[in-house]
């Protein structure tokens, strides 16, 4: 059994039926656990749903680790205050493996599961039957149409997109996505809740990629097309955008950071739906990287290689204080990266 505390769920007042107090998050991965964390930090009672107790335990560990980081920034060396902060936030979260019972008193349900329309449809059909009429539904999808996801529910007036960014506790932006059927009350409830969990909210219609990804993904793809044509090297493209446009990270290294499986999947979905839009055409070299499982930073190799000492020192070793442990972890990391490396695809380095 997962060790999330079991907490009593307070009923929302009937006179404030759109006041969000009880939040159910479906999916305990990076996004879902982050959403659950910020909701609990902000005073919401949270139910986090995963498919089994093992995944709930993994989500709990991630949440507690991140809560500790937040508390240490606020309370510095005050161990008692740090522990109190973490325990209070953790006590507001309970785990569940049953989505239908988890939404029985939810004011808001946020879905953060796999980016598959059929799977989301199956989930929301079940939730629509199980949740009370007051419950608002939201999807954290980054690439699918909110309207298409909502097509299987009867409460389209209480449905919308709440697109957070990774890592959720750190990134300040929340995209609120409106569909034509969404009521003004629902929109205002989403807006108020987004602000209450510390986010700056922006609003857009149900357009592919919403605001950020609609601009970002084609930008990354165009940079990759430049290097595919041989117009410039990856490093020169990245340097140009950092020094010439003031971007903190160049587009090629950003594509490596995001993950080529992610960007390729988004482009393939958009291209299938809008085949005449040249901005949505997937890049050949990215597809080949995905085939070779060279997905970027997370696998140690993409358009750049990350299995080197410089990258380790800058990104991986900061939390290791013991010299012997540092050496052990570095050797282990190098070994994993070497196993994942494949020489078949020439890299643009």
C-alpha atoms as a PDB file:
ATOM      1  CA  UNK A   1       0.000   0.000   0.000  1.00  0.00           C
ATOM      2  CA  UNK A   2       1.178   3.528  -0.709  1.00  0.00           C
ATOM      3  CA  UNK A   3       1.857   5.554   2.426  1.00  0.00           C
ATOM      4  CA  UNK A   4       0.085   8.767   1.480  1.00  0.00           C
ATOM      5  CA  UNK A   5      -1.962   9.918   4.450  1.00  0.00           C
ATOM      6  CA  UNK A   6      -5.681   9.269   4.225  1.00  0.00           C
ATOM      7  CA  UNK A   7      -7.498  12.527   4.754  1.00  0.00           C
ATOM      8  CA  UNK A   8     -11.141  13.474   5.082  1.00  0.00           C
ATOM      9  CA  UNK A   9     -12.434  15.406   2.105  1.00  0.00           C
ATOM     10  CA  UNK A  10     -14.302  18.581   2.964  1.00  0.00           C
ATOM     11  CA  UNK A  11     -17.512  19.183   1.027  1.00  0.00           C
ATOM     12  CA  UNK A  12     -17.663  22.309  -1.098  1.00  0.00           C
ATOM     13  CA  UNK A  13     -20.358  24.788  -0.159  1.00  0.00           C
ATOM     14  CA  UNK A  14     -23.400  24.695  -2.427  1.00  0.00           C
ATOM     15  CA  UNK A  15     -23.369  28.475  -2.617  1.00  0.00           C
ATOM     16  CA  UNK A  16     -19.807  28.374  -3.982  1.00  0.00           C
ATOM     17  CA  UNK A  17     -20.094  25.333  -6.202  1.00  0.00           C
ATOM     18  CA  UNK A  18     -17.183  26.431  -8.389  1.00  0.00           C
ATOM     19  CA  UNK A  19     -14.819  27.048  -5.486  1.00  0.00           C
ATOM     20  CA  UNK A  20     -12.083  24.461  -5.906  1.00  0.00           C
ATOM     21  CA  UNK A  21     -11.011  22.794  -2.668  1.00  0.00           C
ATOM     22  CA  UNK A  22     -10.884  19.090  -3.493  1.00  0.00           C
ATOM     23  CA  UNK A  23      -8.659  18.180  -6.445  1.00  0.00           C
ATOM     24  CA  UNK A  24      -8.204  14.767  -8.041  1.00  0.00           C
ATOM     25  CA  UNK A  25      -5.153  14.287 -10.262  1.00  0.00           C
ATOM     26  CA  UNK A  26      -5.189  11.283 -12.592  1.00  0.00           C
ATOM     27  CA  UNK A  27      -1.639  10.164 -13.351  1.00  0.00           C
ATOM     28  CA  UNK A  28       1.335  10.284 -11.008  1.00  0.00           C
ATOM     29  CA  UNK A  29       4.178  10.837 -13.465  1.00  0.00           C
ATOM     30  CA  UNK A  30       6.332  13.956 -13.639  1.00  0.00           C
ATOM     31  CA  UNK A  31       3.427  16.219 -14.552  1.00  0.00           C
ATOM     32  CA  UNK A  32       0.762  14.609 -12.387  1.00  0.00           C
ATOM     33  CA  UNK A  33       2.884  14.446  -9.250  1.00  0.00           C
ATOM     34  CA  UNK A  34       3.933  18.063  -9.790  1.00  0.00           C
ATOM     35  CA  UNK A  35       0.315  19.195 -10.130  1.00  0.00           C
ATOM     36  CA  UNK A  36      -0.631  17.246  -6.990  1.00  0.00           C
ATOM     37  CA  UNK A  37       2.276  18.843  -5.129  1.00  0.00           C
ATOM     38  CA  UNK A  38       1.415  22.462  -5.921  1.00  0.00           C
ATOM     39  CA  UNK A  39      -2.266  21.845  -5.179  1.00  0.00           C
ATOM     40  CA  UNK A  40      -1.401  20.415  -1.755  1.00  0.00           C
ATOM     41  CA  UNK A  41       1.101  23.212  -1.073  1.00  0.00           C
ATOM     42  CA  UNK A  42      -1.678  25.696  -1.754  1.00  0.00           C
ATOM     43  CA  UNK A  43      -4.088  24.102   0.723  1.00  0.00           C
ATOM     44  CA  UNK A  44      -6.169  21.844  -1.520  1.00  0.00           C
ATOM     45  CA  UNK A  45      -7.137  18.343  -0.458  1.00  0.00           C
ATOM     46  CA  UNK A  46      -5.687  16.126  -3.184  1.00  0.00           C
ATOM     47  CA  UNK A  47      -6.330  12.595  -4.386  1.00  0.00           C
ATOM     48  CA  UNK A  48      -3.593  11.291  -6.672  1.00  0.00           C
ATOM     49  CA  UNK A  49      -4.559   8.330  -8.856  1.00  0.00           C
ATOM     50  CA  UNK A  50      -2.195   5.758 -10.341  1.00  0.00           C
ATOM     51  CA  UNK A  51      -2.664   2.255 -11.710  1.00  0.00           C
ATOM     52  CA  UNK A  52      -0.926   0.448  -8.833  1.00  0.00           C
ATOM     53  CA  UNK A  53       0.519   1.062  -5.329  1.00  0.00           C
ATOM     54  CA  UNK A  54       4.104   0.867  -6.611  1.00  0.00           C
ATOM     55  CA  UNK A  55       3.612   3.841  -8.926  1.00  0.00           C
ATOM     56  CA  UNK A  56       1.842   5.727  -6.135  1.00  0.00           C
ATOM     57  CA  UNK A  57       4.851   5.129  -3.891  1.00  0.00           C
ATOM     58  CA  UNK A  58       7.172   6.404  -6.612  1.00  0.00           C
ATOM     59  CA  UNK A  59       5.041   9.539  -6.974  1.00  0.00           C
ATOM     60  CA  UNK A  60       5.042  10.051  -3.208  1.00  0.00           C
ATOM     61  CA  UNK A  61       8.835   9.848  -3.070  1.00  0.00           C
ATOM     62  CA  UNK A  62       9.117  12.434  -5.845  1.00  0.00           C
ATOM     63  CA  UNK A  63       6.642  14.777  -4.160  1.00  0.00           C
ATOM     64  CA  UNK A  64       8.337  14.552  -0.746  1.00  0.00           C
ATOM     65  CA  UNK A  65      11.747  15.218  -2.323  1.00  0.00           C
ATOM     66  CA  UNK A  66      10.444  18.281  -4.146  1.00  0.00           C
ATOM     67  CA  UNK A  67       8.569  19.552  -1.083  1.00  0.00           C
ATOM     68  CA  UNK A  68      11.806  19.296   0.900  1.00  0.00           C
ATOM     69  CA  UNK A  69      13.598  21.411  -1.704  1.00  0.00           C
ATOM     70  CA  UNK A  70      10.898  24.070  -1.487  1.00  0.00           C
ATOM     71  CA  UNK A  71      10.974  24.047   2.322  1.00  0.00           C
ATOM     72  CA  UNK A  72      14.776  24.318   2.477  1.00  0.00           C
ATOM     73  CA  UNK A  73      14.687  27.422   0.295  1.00  0.00           C
ATOM     74  CA  UNK A  74      12.151  29.028   2.625  1.00  0.00           C
ATOM     75  CA  UNK A  75      13.348  27.836   6.038  1.00  0.00           C
ATOM     76  CA  UNK A  76      17.093  27.371   5.351  1.00  0.00           C
ATOM     77  CA  UNK A  77      18.532  25.337   8.275  1.00  0.00           C
ATOM     78  CA  UNK A  78      15.386  25.218  10.411  1.00  0.00           C
ATOM     79  CA  UNK A  79      14.934  21.435  10.401  1.00  0.00           C
ATOM     80  CA  UNK A  80      11.746  21.478  12.461  1.00  0.00           C
ATOM     81  CA  UNK A  81      10.077  24.033  10.188  1.00  0.00           C
ATOM     82  CA  UNK A  82      11.149  22.109   7.088  1.00  0.00           C
ATOM     83  CA  UNK A  83       9.727  18.860   8.442  1.00  0.00           C
ATOM     84  CA  UNK A  84       6.470  20.552   9.474  1.00  0.00           C
ATOM     85  CA  UNK A  85       6.037  22.098   6.022  1.00  0.00           C
ATOM     86  CA  UNK A  86       6.615  18.794   4.248  1.00  0.00           C
ATOM     87  CA  UNK A  87       4.359  16.796   6.571  1.00  0.00           C
ATOM     88  CA  UNK A  88       1.512  19.312   6.378  1.00  0.00           C
ATOM     89  CA  UNK A  89       1.556  19.352   2.577  1.00  0.00           C
ATOM     90  CA  UNK A  90       1.917  15.573   2.402  1.00  0.00           C
ATOM     91  CA  UNK A  91      -1.032  15.107   4.793  1.00  0.00           C
ATOM     92  CA  UNK A  92      -3.296  16.795   2.240  1.00  0.00           C
ATOM     93  CA  UNK A  93      -2.565  14.094  -0.352  1.00  0.00           C
ATOM     94  CA  UNK A  94      -4.111  10.660  -0.458  1.00  0.00           C
ATOM     95  CA  UNK A  95      -3.396   7.977  -3.024  1.00  0.00           C
ATOM     96  CA  UNK A  96      -5.887   5.871  -4.946  1.00  0.00           C
ATOM     97  CA  UNK A  97      -5.852   3.222  -7.650  1.00  0.00           C
ATOM     98  CA  UNK A  98      -9.557   3.630  -8.453  1.00  0.00           C
ATOM     99  CA  UNK A  99     -10.362   6.687 -10.605  1.00  0.00           C
ATOM    100  CA  UNK A 100     -14.127   6.359 -10.178  1.00  0.00           C
ATOM    101  CA  UNK A 101     -14.086   6.457  -6.379  1.00  0.00           C
ATOM    102  CA  UNK A 102     -11.330   9.090  -6.373  1.00  0.00           C
ATOM    103  CA  UNK A 103     -13.635  11.653  -8.030  1.00  0.00           C
ATOM    104  CA  UNK A 104     -16.650  11.081  -5.763  1.00  0.00           C
ATOM    105  CA  UNK A 105     -16.308  14.511  -4.127  1.00  0.00           C
ATOM    106  CA  UNK A 106     -13.891  16.263  -6.470  1.00  0.00           C
ATOM    107  CA  UNK A 107     -14.361  19.917  -7.345  1.00  0.00           C
ATOM    108  CA  UNK A 108     -11.731  19.565 -10.070  1.00  0.00           C
ATOM    109  CA  UNK A 109     -10.243  16.595 -11.909  1.00  0.00           C
ATOM    110  CA  UNK A 110      -6.962  17.146 -13.761  1.00  0.00           C
ATOM    111  CA  UNK A 111      -5.952  14.374 -16.163  1.00  0.00           C
ATOM    112  CA  UNK A 112      -2.221  13.892 -16.749  1.00  0.00           C
ATOM    113  CA  UNK A 113      -1.943  10.471 -18.381  1.00  0.00           C
ATOM    114  CA  UNK A 114      -0.428   9.187 -21.633  1.00  0.00           C
ATOM    115  CA  UNK A 115      -0.911  11.333 -24.768  1.00  0.00           C
ATOM    116  CA  UNK A 116      -3.311   8.921 -26.445  1.00  0.00           C
ATOM    117  CA  UNK A 117      -6.791  10.088 -27.427  1.00  0.00           C
ATOM    118  CA  UNK A 118      -8.391   6.653 -27.156  1.00  0.00           C
ATOM    119  CA  UNK A 119      -7.025   6.123 -23.639  1.00  0.00           C
ATOM    120  CA  UNK A 120      -8.169   9.584 -22.544  1.00  0.00           C
ATOM    121  CA  UNK A 121     -11.640   8.951 -23.992  1.00  0.00           C
ATOM    122  CA  UNK A 122     -11.972   5.724 -22.028  1.00  0.00           C
ATOM    123  CA  UNK A 123     -10.936   7.499 -18.826  1.00  0.00           C
ATOM    124  CA  UNK A 124     -13.210  10.520 -19.199  1.00  0.00           C
ATOM    125  CA  UNK A 125     -16.231   8.385 -20.119  1.00  0.00           C
ATOM    126  CA  UNK A 126     -15.845   6.559 -16.809  1.00  0.00           C
ATOM    127  CA  UNK A 127     -15.179   9.756 -14.857  1.00  0.00           C
ATOM    128  CA  UNK A 128     -18.208  11.481 -16.379  1.00  0.00           C
ATOM    129  CA  UNK A 129     -20.440   8.755 -14.984  1.00  0.00           C
ATOM    130  CA  UNK A 130     -18.733   8.633 -11.576  1.00  0.00           C
ATOM    131  CA  UNK A 131     -18.169  12.307 -10.751  1.00  0.00           C
ATOM    132  CA  UNK A 132     -20.897  14.544  -9.293  1.00  0.00           C
ATOM    133  CA  UNK A 133     -22.421  17.285 -11.427  1.00  0.00           C
ATOM    134  CA  UNK A 134     -20.336  19.981  -9.719  1.00  0.00           C
ATOM    135  CA  UNK A 135     -17.008  18.502 -10.842  1.00  0.00           C
ATOM    136  CA  UNK A 136     -14.932  20.380 -13.412  1.00  0.00           C
ATOM    137  CA  UNK A 137     -12.804  18.335 -15.819  1.00  0.00           C
ATOM    138  CA  UNK A 138      -9.448  19.428 -17.238  1.00  0.00           C
ATOM    139  CA  UNK A 139      -6.746  17.812 -19.334  1.00  0.00           C
ATOM    140  CA  UNK A 140      -3.051  18.627 -19.054  1.00  0.00           C
ATOM    141  CA  UNK A 141      -2.442  17.487 -22.643  1.00  0.00           C
ATOM    142  CA  UNK A 142       0.261  19.362 -24.517  1.00  0.00           C
ATOM    143  CA  UNK A 143      -0.575  18.243 -28.051  1.00  0.00           C
ATOM    144  CA  UNK A 144      -4.115  16.843 -28.351  1.00  0.00           C
ATOM    145  CA  UNK A 145      -7.283  18.823 -29.005  1.00  0.00           C
ATOM    146  CA  UNK A 146      -9.215  19.662 -25.838  1.00  0.00           C
ATOM    147  CA  UNK A 147     -12.455  19.611 -27.826  1.00  0.00           C
ATOM    148  CA  UNK A 148     -11.735  16.116 -29.127  1.00  0.00           C
ATOM    149  CA  UNK A 149     -10.933  14.870 -25.626  1.00  0.00           C
ATOM    150  CA  UNK A 150     -14.148  16.451 -24.302  1.00  0.00           C
ATOM    151  CA  UNK A 151     -16.292  14.944 -27.067  1.00  0.00           C
ATOM    152  CA  UNK A 152     -17.136  11.859 -24.972  1.00  0.00           C
ATOM    153  CA  UNK A 153     -18.469  13.678 -21.882  1.00  0.00           C
ATOM    154  CA  UNK A 154     -21.827  15.291 -21.188  1.00  0.00           C
ATOM    155  CA  UNK A 155     -20.352  18.198 -19.196  1.00  0.00           C
ATOM    156  CA  UNK A 156     -18.605  20.047 -22.017  1.00  0.00           C
ATOM    157  CA  UNK A 157     -19.547  23.315 -20.299  1.00  0.00           C
ATOM    158  CA  UNK A 158     -17.331  22.206 -17.409  1.00  0.00           C
ATOM    159  CA  UNK A 159     -14.374  21.003 -19.462  1.00  0.00           C
ATOM    160  CA  UNK A 160     -11.157  22.733 -20.482  1.00  0.00           C
ATOM    161  CA  UNK A 161      -7.408  22.535 -20.779  1.00  0.00           C
ATOM    162  CA  UNK A 162      -5.033  23.258 -17.907  1.00  0.00           C
ATOM    163  CA  UNK A 163      -1.612  22.913 -19.494  1.00  0.00           C
ATOM    164  CA  UNK A 164       1.222  23.088 -16.975  1.00  0.00           C
ATOM    165  CA  UNK A 165       4.923  23.061 -17.833  1.00  0.00           C
ATOM    166  CA  UNK A 166       7.689  20.792 -16.576  1.00  0.00           C
ATOM    167  CA  UNK A 167       8.863  20.968 -13.828  1.00  0.00           C
ATOM    168  CA  UNK A 168       5.437  21.998 -12.524  1.00  0.00           C
ATOM    169  CA  UNK A 169       6.569  23.350  -9.115  1.00  0.00           C
ATOM    170  CA  UNK A 170       9.116  25.635 -10.815  1.00  0.00           C
ATOM    171  CA  UNK A 171       7.550  26.808 -14.080  1.00  0.00           C
ATOM    172  CA  UNK A 172       5.254  29.774 -13.497  1.00  0.00           C
ATOM    173  CA  UNK A 173       3.036  29.518 -16.572  1.00  0.00           C
ATOM    174  CA  UNK A 174      -0.377  27.861 -16.893  1.00  0.00           C
ATOM    175  CA  UNK A 175      -2.185  27.805 -20.235  1.00  0.00           C
ATOM    176  CA  UNK A 176      -5.968  27.769 -19.816  1.00  0.00           C
ATOM    177  CA  UNK A 177      -7.561  26.373 -22.968  1.00  0.00           C
ATOM    178  CA  UNK A 178     -11.156  27.245 -23.818  1.00  0.00           C
ATOM    179  CA  UNK A 179     -13.551  25.232 -25.954  1.00  0.00           C
ATOM    180  CA  UNK A 180     -16.740  26.805 -27.392  1.00  0.00           C
ATOM    181  CA  UNK A 181     -19.024  24.951 -24.970  1.00  0.00           C
ATOM    182  CA  UNK A 182     -17.078  26.013 -21.868  1.00  0.00           C
ATOM    183  CA  UNK A 183     -19.101  28.236 -19.527  1.00  0.00           C
ATOM    184  CA  UNK A 184     -17.798  31.531 -18.193  1.00  0.00           C
ATOM    185  CA  UNK A 185     -18.189  30.155 -14.651  1.00  0.00           C
ATOM    186  CA  UNK A 186     -15.903  27.256 -15.515  1.00  0.00           C
ATOM    187  CA  UNK A 187     -13.317  29.550 -17.061  1.00  0.00           C
ATOM    188  CA  UNK A 188     -13.347  31.858 -14.037  1.00  0.00           C
ATOM    189  CA  UNK A 189     -12.986  28.862 -11.710  1.00  0.00           C
ATOM    190  CA  UNK A 190      -9.974  27.617 -13.699  1.00  0.00           C
ATOM    191  CA  UNK A 191      -8.460  31.097 -13.637  1.00  0.00           C
ATOM    192  CA  UNK A 192      -8.958  31.549  -9.890  1.00  0.00           C
ATOM    193  CA  UNK A 193      -7.550  28.120  -9.112  1.00  0.00           C
ATOM    194  CA  UNK A 194      -4.540  28.634 -11.380  1.00  0.00           C
ATOM    195  CA  UNK A 195      -3.695  31.847  -9.554  1.00  0.00           C
ATOM    196  CA  UNK A 196      -4.241  30.168  -6.173  1.00  0.00           C
ATOM    197  CA  UNK A 197      -1.544  27.572  -6.947  1.00  0.00           C
ATOM    198  CA  UNK A 198       0.914  30.326  -7.837  1.00  0.00           C
ATOM    199  CA  UNK A 199       0.731  30.334 -11.621  1.00  0.00           C
ATOM    200  CA  UNK A 200       0.560  33.166 -14.128  1.00  0.00           C
ATOM    201  CA  UNK A 201      -2.363  32.250 -16.361  1.00  0.00           C
ATOM    202  CA  UNK A 202      -2.732  32.866 -20.078  1.00  0.00           C
ATOM    203  CA  UNK A 203      -5.793  31.940 -22.125  1.00  0.00           C
ATOM    204  CA  UNK A 204      -6.170  30.638 -25.649  1.00  0.00           C
ATOM    205  CA  UNK A 205      -8.594  28.815 -27.896  1.00  0.00           C
ATOM    206  CA  UNK A 206      -8.262  25.126 -28.666  1.00  0.00           C
ATOM    207  CA  UNK A 207      -5.595  25.593 -31.338  1.00  0.00           C
ATOM    208  CA  UNK A 208      -2.897  22.934 -31.981  1.00  0.00           C
ATOM    209  CA  UNK A 209      -0.163  23.280 -29.360  1.00  0.00           C
ATOM    210  CA  UNK A 210      -1.990  26.159 -27.657  1.00  0.00           C
ATOM    211  CA  UNK A 211       0.405  29.147 -27.353  1.00  0.00           C
ATOM    212  CA  UNK A 212       3.818  27.899 -26.253  1.00  0.00           C
ATOM    213  CA  UNK A 213       4.107  24.647 -28.195  1.00  0.00           C
ATOM    214  CA  UNK A 214       2.437  26.114 -31.289  1.00  0.00           C
ATOM    215  CA  UNK A 215       5.314  28.607 -31.477  1.00  0.00           C
ATOM    216  CA  UNK A 216       8.084  26.513 -29.935  1.00  0.00           C
ATOM    217  CA  UNK A 217       7.838  23.189 -31.782  1.00  0.00           C
ATOM    218  CA  UNK A 218       7.882  24.668 -35.330  1.00  0.00           C
ATOM    219  CA  UNK A 219      10.791  26.896 -34.219  1.00  0.00           C
ATOM    220  CA  UNK A 220      12.776  23.850 -33.087  1.00  0.00           C
ATOM    221  CA  UNK A 221      11.874  21.999 -36.287  1.00  0.00           C
ATOM    222  CA  UNK A 222      12.996  24.884 -38.499  1.00  0.00           C
ATOM    223  CA  UNK A 223      16.362  25.004 -36.703  1.00  0.00           C
ATOM    224  CA  UNK A 224      16.787  21.281 -37.353  1.00  0.00           C
ATOM    225  CA  UNK A 225      15.852  21.745 -41.020  1.00  0.00           C
ATOM    226  CA  UNK A 226      18.616  24.375 -41.244  1.00  0.00           C
ATOM    227  CA  UNK A 227      21.235  21.915 -40.057  1.00  0.00           C
ATOM    228  CA  UNK A 228      19.760  19.166 -42.292  1.00  0.00           C
ATOM    229  CA  UNK A 229      20.243  21.462 -45.297  1.00  0.00           C
ATOM    230  CA  UNK A 230      23.766  22.249 -44.141  1.00  0.00           C
ATOM    231  CA  UNK A 231      22.988  25.964 -43.730  1.00  0.00           C
ATOM    232  CA  UNK A 232      24.817  26.114 -40.382  1.00  0.00           C
ATOM    233  CA  UNK A 233      26.189  23.832 -37.682  1.00  0.00           C
ATOM    234  CA  UNK A 234      24.168  23.071 -34.533  1.00  0.00           C
ATOM    235  CA  UNK A 235      26.570  25.046 -32.363  1.00  0.00           C
ATOM    236  CA  UNK A 236      26.436  28.089 -34.631  1.00  0.00           C
ATOM    237  CA  UNK A 237      22.626  27.950 -34.757  1.00  0.00           C
ATOM    238  CA  UNK A 238      22.474  27.757 -30.965  1.00  0.00           C
ATOM    239  CA  UNK A 239      25.081  30.488 -30.469  1.00  0.00           C
ATOM    240  CA  UNK A 240      23.269  32.770 -32.913  1.00  0.00           C
ATOM    241  CA  UNK A 241      19.950  32.480 -31.088  1.00  0.00           C
ATOM    242  CA  UNK A 242      21.519  32.871 -27.650  1.00  0.00           C
ATOM    243  CA  UNK A 243      23.623  35.915 -28.485  1.00  0.00           C
ATOM    244  CA  UNK A 244      21.522  37.410 -31.276  1.00  0.00           C
ATOM    245  CA  UNK A 245      18.011  36.830 -29.928  1.00  0.00           C
ATOM    246  CA  UNK A 246      18.778  36.697 -26.215  1.00  0.00           C
ATOM    247  CA  UNK A 247      17.480  33.151 -25.773  1.00  0.00           C
ATOM    248  CA  UNK A 248      18.902  31.306 -22.732  1.00  0.00           C
ATOM    249  CA  UNK A 249      19.210  28.086 -24.756  1.00  0.00           C
ATOM    250  CA  UNK A 250      19.629  27.519 -28.484  1.00  0.00           C
ATOM    251  CA  UNK A 251      16.973  25.591 -30.450  1.00  0.00           C
ATOM    252  CA  UNK A 252      19.043  22.479 -31.154  1.00  0.00           C
ATOM    253  CA  UNK A 253      20.138  22.007 -27.547  1.00  0.00           C
ATOM    254  CA  UNK A 254      16.587  22.820 -26.441  1.00  0.00           C
ATOM    255  CA  UNK A 255      15.268  20.089 -28.752  1.00  0.00           C
ATOM    256  CA  UNK A 256      17.730  17.693 -27.118  1.00  0.00           C
ATOM    257  CA  UNK A 257      16.502  18.806 -23.694  1.00  0.00           C
ATOM    258  CA  UNK A 258      12.793  18.442 -24.512  1.00  0.00           C
ATOM    259  CA  UNK A 259      13.315  14.992 -26.044  1.00  0.00           C
ATOM    260  CA  UNK A 260      13.038  14.026 -29.697  1.00  0.00           C
ATOM    261  CA  UNK A 261      10.362  11.432 -29.003  1.00  0.00           C
ATOM    262  CA  UNK A 262       8.192  14.242 -27.635  1.00  0.00           C
ATOM    263  CA  UNK A 263       8.691  16.772 -30.425  1.00  0.00           C
ATOM    264  CA  UNK A 264       8.454  14.132 -33.159  1.00  0.00           C
ATOM    265  CA  UNK A 265       5.215  12.768 -31.705  1.00  0.00           C
ATOM    266  CA  UNK A 266       3.705  16.264 -31.547  1.00  0.00           C
ATOM    267  CA  UNK A 267       4.669  17.062 -35.145  1.00  0.00           C
ATOM    268  CA  UNK A 268       3.410  13.725 -36.442  1.00  0.00           C
ATOM    269  CA  UNK A 269       0.053  14.313 -34.763  1.00  0.00           C
ATOM    270  CA  UNK A 270      -0.269  17.830 -36.147  1.00  0.00           C
ATOM    271  CA  UNK A 271       0.909  16.772 -39.624  1.00  0.00           C
ATOM    272  CA  UNK A 272      -1.666  13.990 -39.748  1.00  0.00           C
ATOM    273  CA  UNK A 273      -4.426  16.447 -38.881  1.00  0.00           C
ATOM    274  CA  UNK A 274      -3.110  19.385 -40.950  1.00  0.00           C
ATOM    275  CA  UNK A 275      -1.102  17.822 -43.828  1.00  0.00           C
ATOM    276  CA  UNK A 276      -0.958  21.064 -45.835  1.00  0.00           C
ATOM    277  CA  UNK A 277       0.822  23.075 -43.129  1.00  0.00           C
ATOM    278  CA  UNK A 278       4.587  23.003 -43.883  1.00  0.00           C
ATOM    279  CA  UNK A 279       5.420  24.025 -40.294  1.00  0.00           C
ATOM    280  CA  UNK A 280       4.075  20.698 -39.052  1.00  0.00           C
ATOM    281  CA  UNK A 281       6.201  18.381 -41.226  1.00  0.00           C
ATOM    282  CA  UNK A 282       8.365  16.087 -39.020  1.00  0.00           C
ATOM    283  CA  UNK A 283      12.142  16.288 -39.545  1.00  0.00           C
ATOM    284  CA  UNK A 284      13.882  13.300 -41.128  1.00  0.00           C
ATOM    285  CA  UNK A 285      16.925  13.443 -38.850  1.00  0.00           C
ATOM    286  CA  UNK A 286      14.732  13.640 -35.748  1.00  0.00           C
ATOM    287  CA  UNK A 287      12.777  10.571 -36.859  1.00  0.00           C
ATOM    288  CA  UNK A 288      16.081   8.743 -37.323  1.00  0.00           C
ATOM    289  CA  UNK A 289      17.272   9.778 -33.850  1.00  0.00           C
ATOM    290  CA  UNK A 290      14.039   8.421 -32.393  1.00  0.00           C
ATOM    291  CA  UNK A 291      14.511   5.163 -34.302  1.00  0.00           C
ATOM    292  CA  UNK A 292      18.005   4.868 -32.840  1.00  0.00           C
ATOM    293  CA  UNK A 293      16.670   5.734 -29.342  1.00  0.00           C
ATOM    294  CA  UNK A 294      18.886   8.820 -29.216  1.00  0.00           C
ATOM    295  CA  UNK A 295      16.280  11.032 -27.630  1.00  0.00           C
ATOM    296  CA  UNK A 296      18.525  13.806 -26.309  1.00  0.00           C
ATOM    297  CA  UNK A 297      19.679  14.595 -22.799  1.00  0.00           C
ATOM    298  CA  UNK A 298      17.643  11.830 -21.163  1.00  0.00           C
ATOM    299  CA  UNK A 299      19.464   9.105 -23.129  1.00  0.00           C
ATOM    300  CA  UNK A 300      22.857  10.832 -23.229  1.00  0.00           C
ATOM    301  CA  UNK A 301      22.798  11.566 -26.940  1.00  0.00           C
ATOM    302  CA  UNK A 302      20.764  13.496 -29.485  1.00  0.00           C
ATOM    303  CA  UNK A 303      22.123  16.102 -31.875  1.00  0.00           C
ATOM    304  CA  UNK A 304      24.822  16.538 -29.221  1.00  0.00           C
ATOM    305  CA  UNK A 305      26.513  13.945 -27.016  1.00  0.00           C
ATOM    306  CA  UNK A 306      26.027  14.231 -23.268  1.00  0.00           C
ATOM    307  CA  UNK A 307      28.043  11.252 -22.013  1.00  0.00           C
ATOM    308  CA  UNK A 308      31.104  13.276 -21.100  1.00  0.00           C
ATOM    309  CA  UNK A 309      32.744  14.679 -17.976  1.00  0.00           C
ATOM    310  CA  UNK A 310      31.867  18.308 -18.751  1.00  0.00           C
ATOM    311  CA  UNK A 311      28.146  17.526 -18.960  1.00  0.00           C
ATOM    312  CA  UNK A 312      28.329  15.411 -15.803  1.00  0.00           C
ATOM    313  CA  UNK A 313      30.027  18.188 -13.849  1.00  0.00           C
ATOM    314  CA  UNK A 314      27.526  20.819 -14.988  1.00  0.00           C
ATOM    315  CA  UNK A 315      24.315  18.822 -14.671  1.00  0.00           C
ATOM    316  CA  UNK A 316      24.610  15.533 -12.820  1.00  0.00           C
ATOM    317  CA  UNK A 317      27.113  15.823  -9.975  1.00  0.00           C
ATOM    318  CA  UNK A 318      25.813  18.834  -8.028  1.00  0.00           C
ATOM    319  CA  UNK A 319      23.927  16.787  -5.429  1.00  0.00           C
ATOM    320  CA  UNK A 320      26.781  14.328  -4.753  1.00  0.00           C
ATOM    321  CA  UNK A 321      28.956  15.450  -1.854  1.00  0.00           C
ATOM    322  CA  UNK A 322      30.986  12.294  -1.112  1.00  0.00           C
ATOM    323  CA  UNK A 323      34.009  11.911  -3.415  1.00  0.00           C
ATOM    324  CA  UNK A 324      33.892   8.109  -3.455  1.00  0.00           C
ATOM    325  CA  UNK A 325      30.166   8.139  -4.216  1.00  0.00           C
ATOM    326  CA  UNK A 326      30.772  10.765  -6.932  1.00  0.00           C
ATOM    327  CA  UNK A 327      33.277   8.475  -8.667  1.00  0.00           C
ATOM    328  CA  UNK A 328      30.981   5.444  -8.352  1.00  0.00           C
ATOM    329  CA  UNK A 329      27.979   7.278  -9.775  1.00  0.00           C
ATOM    330  CA  UNK A 330      30.014   8.815 -12.598  1.00  0.00           C
ATOM    331  CA  UNK A 331      31.362   5.406 -13.667  1.00  0.00           C
ATOM    332  CA  UNK A 332      27.878   3.911 -13.514  1.00  0.00           C
ATOM    333  CA  UNK A 333      26.452   6.779 -15.543  1.00  0.00           C
ATOM    334  CA  UNK A 334      29.212   6.475 -18.163  1.00  0.00           C
ATOM    335  CA  UNK A 335      28.544   2.744 -18.423  1.00  0.00           C
ATOM    336  CA  UNK A 336      24.820   3.317 -18.996  1.00  0.00           C
ATOM    337  CA  UNK A 337      25.497   5.977 -21.606  1.00  0.00           C
ATOM    338  CA  UNK A 338      27.983   3.714 -23.404  1.00  0.00           C
ATOM    339  CA  UNK A 339      25.389   0.932 -23.595  1.00  0.00           C
ATOM    340  CA  UNK A 340      22.852   3.320 -25.086  1.00  0.00           C
ATOM    341  CA  UNK A 341      25.236   4.746 -27.663  1.00  0.00           C
ATOM    342  CA  UNK A 342      24.802   3.636 -31.278  1.00  0.00           C
ATOM    343  CA  UNK A 343      27.316   4.430 -34.036  1.00  0.00           C
ATOM    344  CA  UNK A 344      24.928   3.937 -36.986  1.00  0.00           C
ATOM    345  CA  UNK A 345      23.729   7.541 -37.144  1.00  0.00           C
ATOM    346  CA  UNK A 346      26.210  10.346 -37.839  1.00  0.00           C
ATOM    347  CA  UNK A 347      25.679  13.149 -35.342  1.00  0.00           C
ATOM    348  CA  UNK A 348      25.845  16.849 -36.170  1.00  0.00           C
ATOM    349  CA  UNK A 349      28.716  17.549 -33.747  1.00  0.00           C
END
